[in-house]
Amino acid sequence: MVKRTAHLRAPADFGLAIQQARLARGLSQTELAADVDVSQSTISAIEGGQTTILVRRLLELAEATGIELTATWEDDDAPRG
């Protein structure tokens, strides 16, 4: 297993981290959406970096207070099936 880390500075960074972690777990957008009770189109929008007021505000708050947001996930090298 390889540990991956991404710095989150923009909504697109957040979306890419979600996408990479989802793929590392072998999940489709539809499966992830079902797991968290949202639509597949919501997952697609998040992964596509479409901003939301909440994500944008959280990133602004983090920057204003000197907090560094990072995402860490494990990439399993096992074949996905």
PDB file of N, CA and C in Angstrom:
ATOM      1  N   MET A   1       0.826  -1.180   0.000  1.00  0.00           N
ATOM      2  CA  MET A   1       0.000   0.000   0.000  1.00  0.00           C
ATOM      3  C   MET A   1       0.874   1.249   0.000  1.00  0.00           C
ATOM      4  N   VAL A   2       0.455   2.198  -0.800  1.00  0.00           N
ATOM      5  CA  VAL A   2       1.154   3.465  -0.906  1.00  0.00           C
ATOM      6  C   VAL A   2       0.268   4.536  -0.299  1.00  0.00           C
ATOM      7  N   LYS A   3       0.847   5.371   0.550  1.00  0.00           N
ATOM      8  CA  LYS A   3       0.087   6.467   1.140  1.00  0.00           C
ATOM      9  C   LYS A   3       0.222   7.692   0.248  1.00  0.00           C
ATOM     10  N   ARG A   4      -0.896   8.294  -0.114  1.00  0.00           N
ATOM     11  CA  ARG A   4      -0.936   9.481  -0.964  1.00  0.00           C
ATOM     12  C   ARG A   4      -1.383  10.674  -0.125  1.00  0.00           C
ATOM     13  N   THR A   5      -0.823  11.850  -0.442  1.00  0.00           N
ATOM     14  CA  THR A   5      -1.193  13.076   0.256  1.00  0.00           C
ATOM     15  C   THR A   5      -1.352  14.199  -0.760  1.00  0.00           C
ATOM     16  N   ALA A   6      -2.343  15.043  -0.553  1.00  0.00           N
ATOM     17  CA  ALA A   6      -2.560  16.208  -1.410  1.00  0.00           C
ATOM     18  C   ALA A   6      -2.849  17.410  -0.527  1.00  0.00           C
ATOM     19  N   HIS A   7      -2.295  18.557  -0.895  1.00  0.00           N
ATOM     20  CA  HIS A   7      -2.606  19.806  -0.202  1.00  0.00           C
ATOM     21  C   HIS A   7      -3.862  20.393  -0.827  1.00  0.00           C
ATOM     22  N   LEU A   8      -4.786  20.813   0.005  1.00  0.00           N
ATOM     23  CA  LEU A   8      -6.066  21.339  -0.469  1.00  0.00           C
ATOM     24  C   LEU A   8      -6.066  22.858  -0.360  1.00  0.00           C
ATOM     25  N   ARG A   9      -5.959  23.521  -1.501  1.00  0.00           N
ATOM     26  CA  ARG A   9      -5.927  24.980  -1.525  1.00  0.00           C
ATOM     27  C   ARG A   9      -7.070  25.580  -2.328  1.00  0.00           C
ATOM     28  N   ALA A  10      -7.766  24.743  -3.087  1.00  0.00           N
ATOM     29  CA  ALA A  10      -8.858  25.203  -3.949  1.00  0.00           C
ATOM     30  C   ALA A  10      -9.885  24.085  -4.060  1.00  0.00           C
ATOM     31  N   PRO A  11     -11.125  24.429  -4.430  1.00  0.00           N
ATOM     32  CA  PRO A  11     -12.133  23.381  -4.598  1.00  0.00           C
ATOM     33  C   PRO A  11     -11.695  22.275  -5.547  1.00  0.00           C
ATOM     34  N   ALA A  12     -10.952  22.624  -6.590  1.00  0.00           N
ATOM     35  CA  ALA A  12     -10.484  21.595  -7.527  1.00  0.00           C
ATOM     36  C   ALA A  12      -9.523  20.623  -6.849  1.00  0.00           C
ATOM     37  N   ASP A  13      -8.707  21.119  -5.897  1.00  0.00           N
ATOM     38  CA  ASP A  13      -7.802  20.232  -5.151  1.00  0.00           C
ATOM     39  C   ASP A  13      -8.604  19.233  -4.333  1.00  0.00           C
ATOM     40  N   PHE A  14      -9.660  19.718  -3.697  1.00  0.00           N
ATOM     41  CA  PHE A  14     -10.527  18.863  -2.888  1.00  0.00           C
ATOM     42  C   PHE A  14     -11.169  17.791  -3.777  1.00  0.00           C
ATOM     43  N   GLY A  15     -11.694  18.214  -4.914  1.00  0.00           N
ATOM     44  CA  GLY A  15     -12.340  17.280  -5.833  1.00  0.00           C
ATOM     45  C   GLY A  15     -11.396  16.217  -6.353  1.00  0.00           C
ATOM     46  N   LEU A  16     -10.183  16.627  -6.699  1.00  0.00           N
ATOM     47  CA  LEU A  16      -9.205  15.671  -7.203  1.00  0.00           C
ATOM     48  C   LEU A  16      -8.818  14.663  -6.125  1.00  0.00           C
ATOM     49  N   ALA A  17      -8.662  15.132  -4.890  1.00  0.00           N
ATOM     50  CA  ALA A  17      -8.339  14.220  -3.793  1.00  0.00           C
ATOM     51  C   ALA A  17      -9.463  13.204  -3.579  1.00  0.00           C
ATOM     52  N   ILE A  18     -10.709  13.663  -3.630  1.00  0.00           N
ATOM     53  CA  ILE A  18     -11.852  12.746  -3.494  1.00  0.00           C
ATOM     54  C   ILE A  18     -11.833  11.723  -4.625  1.00  0.00           C
ATOM     55  N   GLN A  19     -11.609  12.195  -5.842  1.00  0.00           N
ATOM     56  CA  GLN A  19     -11.581  11.288  -6.985  1.00  0.00           C
ATOM     57  C   GLN A  19     -10.471  10.247  -6.851  1.00  0.00           C
ATOM     58  N   GLN A  20      -9.280  10.671  -6.509  1.00  0.00           N
ATOM     59  CA  GLN A  20      -8.153   9.750  -6.396  1.00  0.00           C
ATOM     60  C   GLN A  20      -8.373   8.730  -5.275  1.00  0.00           C
ATOM     61  N   ALA A  21      -8.908   9.195  -4.144  1.00  0.00           N
ATOM     62  CA  ALA A  21      -9.187   8.269  -3.039  1.00  0.00           C
ATOM     63  C   ALA A  21     -10.296   7.291  -3.408  1.00  0.00           C
ATOM     64  N   ARG A  22     -11.304   7.767  -4.142  1.00  0.00           N
ATOM     65  CA  ARG A  22     -12.383   6.880  -4.598  1.00  0.00           C
ATOM     66  C   ARG A  22     -11.831   5.809  -5.517  1.00  0.00           C
ATOM     67  N   LEU A  23     -11.013   6.219  -6.473  1.00  0.00           N
ATOM     68  CA  LEU A  23     -10.423   5.262  -7.412  1.00  0.00           C
ATOM     69  C   LEU A  23      -9.514   4.271  -6.698  1.00  0.00           C
ATOM     70  N   ALA A  24      -8.763   4.757  -5.707  1.00  0.00           N
ATOM     71  CA  ALA A  24      -7.871   3.871  -4.943  1.00  0.00           C
ATOM     72  C   ALA A  24      -8.652   2.790  -4.216  1.00  0.00           C
ATOM     73  N   ARG A  25      -9.893   3.077  -3.856  1.00  0.00           N
ATOM     74  CA  ARG A  25     -10.743   2.084  -3.183  1.00  0.00           C
ATOM     75  C   ARG A  25     -11.550   1.239  -4.170  1.00  0.00           C
ATOM     76  N   GLY A  26     -11.392   1.532  -5.453  1.00  0.00           N
ATOM     77  CA  GLY A  26     -12.102   0.759  -6.465  1.00  0.00           C
ATOM     78  C   GLY A  26     -13.585   1.052  -6.528  1.00  0.00           C
ATOM     79  N   LEU A  27     -13.983   2.253  -6.142  1.00  0.00           N
ATOM     80  CA  LEU A  27     -15.397   2.625  -6.138  1.00  0.00           C
ATOM     81  C   LEU A  27     -15.753   3.438  -7.378  1.00  0.00           C
ATOM     82  N   SER A  28     -16.944   3.223  -7.875  1.00  0.00           N
ATOM     83  CA  SER A  28     -17.472   4.083  -8.933  1.00  0.00           C
ATOM     84  C   SER A  28     -18.091   5.318  -8.280  1.00  0.00           C
ATOM     85  N   GLN A  29     -18.362   6.328  -9.074  1.00  0.00           N
ATOM     86  CA  GLN A  29     -19.059   7.500  -8.540  1.00  0.00           C
ATOM     87  C   GLN A  29     -20.421   7.101  -7.984  1.00  0.00           C
ATOM     88  N   THR A  30     -21.093   6.196  -8.660  1.00  0.00           N
ATOM     89  CA  THR A  30     -22.414   5.754  -8.220  1.00  0.00           C
ATOM     90  C   THR A  30     -22.337   5.043  -6.874  1.00  0.00           C
ATOM     91  N   GLU A  31     -21.331   4.202  -6.698  1.00  0.00           N
ATOM     92  CA  GLU A  31     -21.169   3.490  -5.424  1.00  0.00           C
ATOM     93  C   GLU A  31     -20.865   4.467  -4.285  1.00  0.00           C
ATOM     94  N   LEU A  32     -19.956   5.415  -4.535  1.00  0.00           N
ATOM     95  CA  LEU A  32     -19.639   6.392  -3.504  1.00  0.00           C
ATOM     96  C   LEU A  32     -20.862   7.236  -3.166  1.00  0.00           C
ATOM     97  N   ALA A  33     -21.595   7.626  -4.179  1.00  0.00           N
ATOM     98  CA  ALA A  33     -22.807   8.430  -3.958  1.00  0.00           C
ATOM     99  C   ALA A  33     -23.796   7.678  -3.069  1.00  0.00           C
ATOM    100  N   ALA A  34     -23.969   6.395  -3.332  1.00  0.00           N
ATOM    101  CA  ALA A  34     -24.881   5.585  -2.514  1.00  0.00           C
ATOM    102  C   ALA A  34     -24.373   5.481  -1.082  1.00  0.00           C
ATOM    103  N   ASP A  35     -23.049   5.354  -0.915  1.00  0.00           N
ATOM    104  CA  ASP A  35     -22.467   5.246   0.431  1.00  0.00           C
ATOM    105  C   ASP A  35     -22.718   6.485   1.279  1.00  0.00           C
ATOM    106  N   VAL A  36     -22.735   7.660   0.643  1.00  0.00           N
ATOM    107  CA  VAL A  36     -22.893   8.912   1.407  1.00  0.00           C
ATOM    108  C   VAL A  36     -24.250   9.576   1.175  1.00  0.00           C
ATOM    109  N   ASP A  37     -25.148   8.863   0.481  1.00  0.00           N
ATOM    110  CA  ASP A  37     -26.529   9.301   0.274  1.00  0.00           C
ATOM    111  C   ASP A  37     -26.645  10.643  -0.448  1.00  0.00           C
ATOM    112  N   VAL A  38     -25.918  10.732  -1.576  1.00  0.00           N
ATOM    113  CA  VAL A  38     -26.067  11.869  -2.485  1.00  0.00           C
ATOM    114  C   VAL A  38     -26.193  11.304  -3.892  1.00  0.00           C
ATOM    115  N   SER A  39     -26.483  12.162  -4.853  1.00  0.00           N
ATOM    116  CA  SER A  39     -26.597  11.699  -6.229  1.00  0.00           C
ATOM    117  C   SER A  39     -25.222  11.532  -6.864  1.00  0.00           C
ATOM    118  N   GLN A  40     -25.174  10.715  -7.905  1.00  0.00           N
ATOM    119  CA  GLN A  40     -23.926  10.541  -8.653  1.00  0.00           C
ATOM    120  C   GLN A  40     -23.501  11.870  -9.252  1.00  0.00           C
ATOM    121  N   SER A  41     -24.452  12.688  -9.673  1.00  0.00           N
ATOM    122  CA  SER A  41     -24.105  13.985 -10.257  1.00  0.00           C
ATOM    123  C   SER A  41     -23.447  14.910  -9.234  1.00  0.00           C
ATOM    124  N   THR A  42     -23.798  14.754  -7.958  1.00  0.00           N
ATOM    125  CA  THR A  42     -23.140  15.533  -6.901  1.00  0.00           C
ATOM    126  C   THR A  42     -21.676  15.124  -6.786  1.00  0.00           C
ATOM    127  N   ILE A  43     -21.415  13.815  -6.810  1.00  0.00           N
ATOM    128  CA  ILE A  43     -20.034  13.332  -6.762  1.00  0.00           C
ATOM    129  C   ILE A  43     -19.266  13.851  -7.977  1.00  0.00           C
ATOM    130  N   SER A  44     -19.882  13.797  -9.136  1.00  0.00           N
ATOM    131  CA  SER A  44     -19.243  14.287 -10.351  1.00  0.00           C
ATOM    132  C   SER A  44     -18.895  15.768 -10.242  1.00  0.00           C
ATOM    133  N   ALA A  45     -19.817  16.557  -9.703  1.00  0.00           N
ATOM    134  CA  ALA A  45     -19.581  17.996  -9.546  1.00  0.00           C
ATOM    135  C   ALA A  45     -18.436  18.267  -8.572  1.00  0.00           C
ATOM    136  N   ILE A  46     -18.407  17.537  -7.473  1.00  0.00           N
ATOM    137  CA  ILE A  46     -17.339  17.709  -6.481  1.00  0.00           C
ATOM    138  C   ILE A  46     -15.996  17.340  -7.104  1.00  0.00           C
ATOM    139  N   GLU A  47     -15.947  16.183  -7.749  1.00  0.00           N
ATOM    140  CA  GLU A  47     -14.700  15.741  -8.360  1.00  0.00           C
ATOM    141  C   GLU A  47     -14.261  16.673  -9.478  1.00  0.00           C
ATOM    142  N   GLY A  48     -15.217  17.306 -10.131  1.00  0.00           N
ATOM    143  CA  GLY A  48     -14.912  18.251 -11.207  1.00  0.00           C
ATOM    144  C   GLY A  48     -14.453  19.613 -10.707  1.00  0.00           C
ATOM    145  N   GLY A  49     -14.421  19.775  -9.382  1.00  0.00           N
ATOM    146  CA  GLY A  49     -13.933  21.023  -8.806  1.00  0.00           C
ATOM    147  C   GLY A  49     -14.938  22.145  -8.774  1.00  0.00           C
ATOM    148  N   GLN A  50     -16.201  21.814  -9.011  1.00  0.00           N
ATOM    149  CA  GLN A  50     -17.215  22.861  -8.938  1.00  0.00           C
ATOM    150  C   GLN A  50     -17.300  23.354  -7.503  1.00  0.00           C
ATOM    151  N   THR A  51     -17.145  24.621  -7.347  1.00  0.00           N
ATOM    152  CA  THR A  51     -17.068  25.208  -6.023  1.00  0.00           C
ATOM    153  C   THR A  51     -18.436  25.265  -5.350  1.00  0.00           C
ATOM    154  N   THR A  52     -18.407  25.213  -4.055  1.00  0.00           N
ATOM    155  CA  THR A  52     -19.596  25.468  -3.263  1.00  0.00           C
ATOM    156  C   THR A  52     -19.233  26.553  -2.271  1.00  0.00           C
ATOM    157  N   ILE A  53     -20.227  27.221  -1.768  1.00  0.00           N
ATOM    158  CA  ILE A  53     -19.961  28.268  -0.789  1.00  0.00           C
ATOM    159  C   ILE A  53     -19.248  27.695   0.416  1.00  0.00           C
ATOM    160  N   LEU A  54     -19.678  26.540   0.888  1.00  0.00           N
ATOM    161  CA  LEU A  54     -19.072  25.936   2.074  1.00  0.00           C
ATOM    162  C   LEU A  54     -17.597  25.602   1.848  1.00  0.00           C
ATOM    163  N   VAL A  55     -17.276  24.932   0.757  1.00  0.00           N
ATOM    164  CA  VAL A  55     -15.882  24.566   0.495  1.00  0.00           C
ATOM    165  C   VAL A  55     -15.035  25.822   0.321  1.00  0.00           C
ATOM    166  N   ARG A  56     -15.533  26.778  -0.428  1.00  0.00           N
ATOM    167  CA  ARG A  56     -14.783  28.020  -0.651  1.00  0.00           C
ATOM    168  C   ARG A  56     -14.530  28.736   0.665  1.00  0.00           C
ATOM    169  N   ARG A  57     -15.546  28.829   1.521  1.00  0.00           N
ATOM    170  CA  ARG A  57     -15.397  29.509   2.817  1.00  0.00           C
ATOM    171  C   ARG A  57     -14.422  28.768   3.728  1.00  0.00           C
ATOM    172  N   LEU A  58     -14.496  27.435   3.751  1.00  0.00           N
ATOM    173  CA  LEU A  58     -13.561  26.660   4.564  1.00  0.00           C
ATOM    174  C   LEU A  58     -12.119  26.904   4.123  1.00  0.00           C
ATOM    175  N   LEU A  59     -11.891  26.947   2.816  1.00  0.00           N
ATOM    176  CA  LEU A  59     -10.549  27.202   2.308  1.00  0.00           C
ATOM    177  C   LEU A  59     -10.086  28.614   2.659  1.00  0.00           C
ATOM    178  N   GLU A  60     -10.989  29.588   2.593  1.00  0.00           N
ATOM    179  CA  GLU A  60     -10.650  30.958   2.977  1.00  0.00           C
ATOM    180  C   GLU A  60     -10.322  31.046   4.461  1.00  0.00           C
ATOM    181  N   LEU A  61     -11.119  30.370   5.286  1.00  0.00           N
ATOM    182  CA  LEU A  61     -10.860  30.358   6.725  1.00  0.00           C
ATOM    183  C   LEU A  61      -9.514  29.708   7.034  1.00  0.00           C
ATOM    184  N   ALA A  62      -9.221  28.621   6.362  1.00  0.00           N
ATOM    185  CA  ALA A  62      -7.947  27.943   6.581  1.00  0.00           C
ATOM    186  C   ALA A  62      -6.783  28.859   6.207  1.00  0.00           C
ATOM    187  N   GLU A  63      -6.892  29.518   5.074  1.00  0.00           N
ATOM    188  CA  GLU A  63      -5.816  30.414   4.644  1.00  0.00           C
ATOM    189  C   GLU A  63      -5.661  31.590   5.610  1.00  0.00           C
ATOM    190  N   ALA A  64      -6.764  32.169   6.037  1.00  0.00           N
ATOM    191  CA  ALA A  64      -6.723  33.336   6.931  1.00  0.00           C
ATOM    192  C   ALA A  64      -6.150  33.001   8.301  1.00  0.00           C
ATOM    193  N   THR A  65      -6.281  31.752   8.709  1.00  0.00           N
ATOM    194  CA  THR A  65      -5.805  31.361  10.035  1.00  0.00           C
ATOM    195  C   THR A  65      -4.500  30.560   9.988  1.00  0.00           C
ATOM    196  N   GLY A  66      -3.976  30.374   8.791  1.00  0.00           N
ATOM    197  CA  GLY A  66      -2.707  29.656   8.664  1.00  0.00           C
ATOM    198  C   GLY A  66      -2.824  28.151   8.757  1.00  0.00           C
ATOM    199  N   ILE A  67      -4.029  27.631   8.639  1.00  0.00           N
ATOM    200  CA  ILE A  67      -4.233  26.179   8.678  1.00  0.00           C
ATOM    201  C   ILE A  67      -3.970  25.606   7.297  1.00  0.00           C
ATOM    202  N   GLU A  68      -3.217  24.518   7.250  1.00  0.00           N
ATOM    203  CA  GLU A  68      -2.977  23.817   5.996  1.00  0.00           C
ATOM    204  C   GLU A  68      -3.876  22.589   5.950  1.00  0.00           C
ATOM    205  N   LEU A  69      -4.716  22.519   4.948  1.00  0.00           N
ATOM    206  CA  LEU A  69      -5.604  21.368   4.785  1.00  0.00           C
ATOM    207  C   LEU A  69      -4.940  20.368   3.847  1.00  0.00           C
ATOM    208  N   THR A  70      -4.910  19.125   4.267  1.00  0.00           N
ATOM    209  CA  THR A  70      -4.372  18.057   3.431  1.00  0.00           C
ATOM    210  C   THR A  70      -5.324  16.873   3.451  1.00  0.00           C
ATOM    211  N   ALA A  71      -5.226  16.087   2.418  1.00  0.00           N
ATOM    212  CA  ALA A  71      -5.985  14.841   2.336  1.00  0.00           C
ATOM    213  C   ALA A  71      -4.973  13.715   2.220  1.00  0.00           C
ATOM    214  N   THR A  72      -5.190  12.642   2.961  1.00  0.00           N
ATOM    215  CA  THR A  72      -4.301  11.485   2.917  1.00  0.00           C
ATOM    216  C   THR A  72      -5.145  10.228   2.745  1.00  0.00           C
ATOM    217  N   TRP A  73      -4.723   9.370   1.836  1.00  0.00           N
ATOM    218  CA  TRP A  73      -5.419   8.106   1.631  1.00  0.00           C
ATOM    219  C   TRP A  73      -4.408   7.064   1.208  1.00  0.00           C
ATOM    220  N   GLU A  74      -4.793   5.819   1.340  1.00  0.00           N
ATOM    221  CA  GLU A  74      -3.930   4.709   0.939  1.00  0.00           C
ATOM    222  C   GLU A  74      -4.375   4.181  -0.406  1.00  0.00           C
ATOM    223  N   ASP A  75      -3.407   3.964  -1.263  1.00  0.00           N
ATOM    224  CA  ASP A  75      -3.657   3.413  -2.599  1.00  0.00           C
ATOM    225  C   ASP A  75      -3.260   1.959  -2.563  1.00  0.00           C
ATOM    226  N   ASP A  76      -4.230   1.089  -2.568  1.00  0.00           N
ATOM    227  CA  ASP A  76      -3.994  -0.352  -2.518  1.00  0.00           C
ATOM    228  C   ASP A  76      -3.534  -0.824  -3.885  1.00  0.00           C
ATOM    229  N   ASP A  77      -2.384  -1.457  -3.932  1.00  0.00           N
ATOM    230  CA  ASP A  77      -1.834  -1.947  -5.200  1.00  0.00           C
ATOM    231  C   ASP A  77      -2.500  -3.229  -5.681  1.00  0.00           C
ATOM    232  N   ALA A  78      -3.422  -3.764  -4.899  1.00  0.00           N
ATOM    233  CA  ALA A  78      -4.106  -5.006  -5.292  1.00  0.00           C
ATOM    234  C   ALA A  78      -5.006  -4.732  -6.495  1.00  0.00           C
ATOM    235  N   PRO A  79      -5.155  -5.723  -7.364  1.00  0.00           N
ATOM    236  CA  PRO A  79      -6.027  -5.555  -8.530  1.00  0.00           C
ATOM    237  C   PRO A  79      -7.465  -5.265  -8.115  1.00  0.00           C
ATOM    238  N   ARG A  80      -8.105  -4.401  -8.864  1.00  0.00           N
ATOM    239  CA  ARG A  80      -9.500  -4.051  -8.583  1.00  0.00           C
ATOM    240  C   ARG A  80     -10.386  -4.861  -9.521  1.00  0.00           C
ATOM    241  N   GLY A  81     -11.459  -5.352  -8.974  1.00  0.00           N
ATOM    242  CA  GLY A  81     -12.297  -6.178  -9.829  1.00  0.00           C
ATOM    243  C   GLY A  81     -13.673  -5.890  -9.657  1.00  0.00           C
TER     244      GLY A  81
END
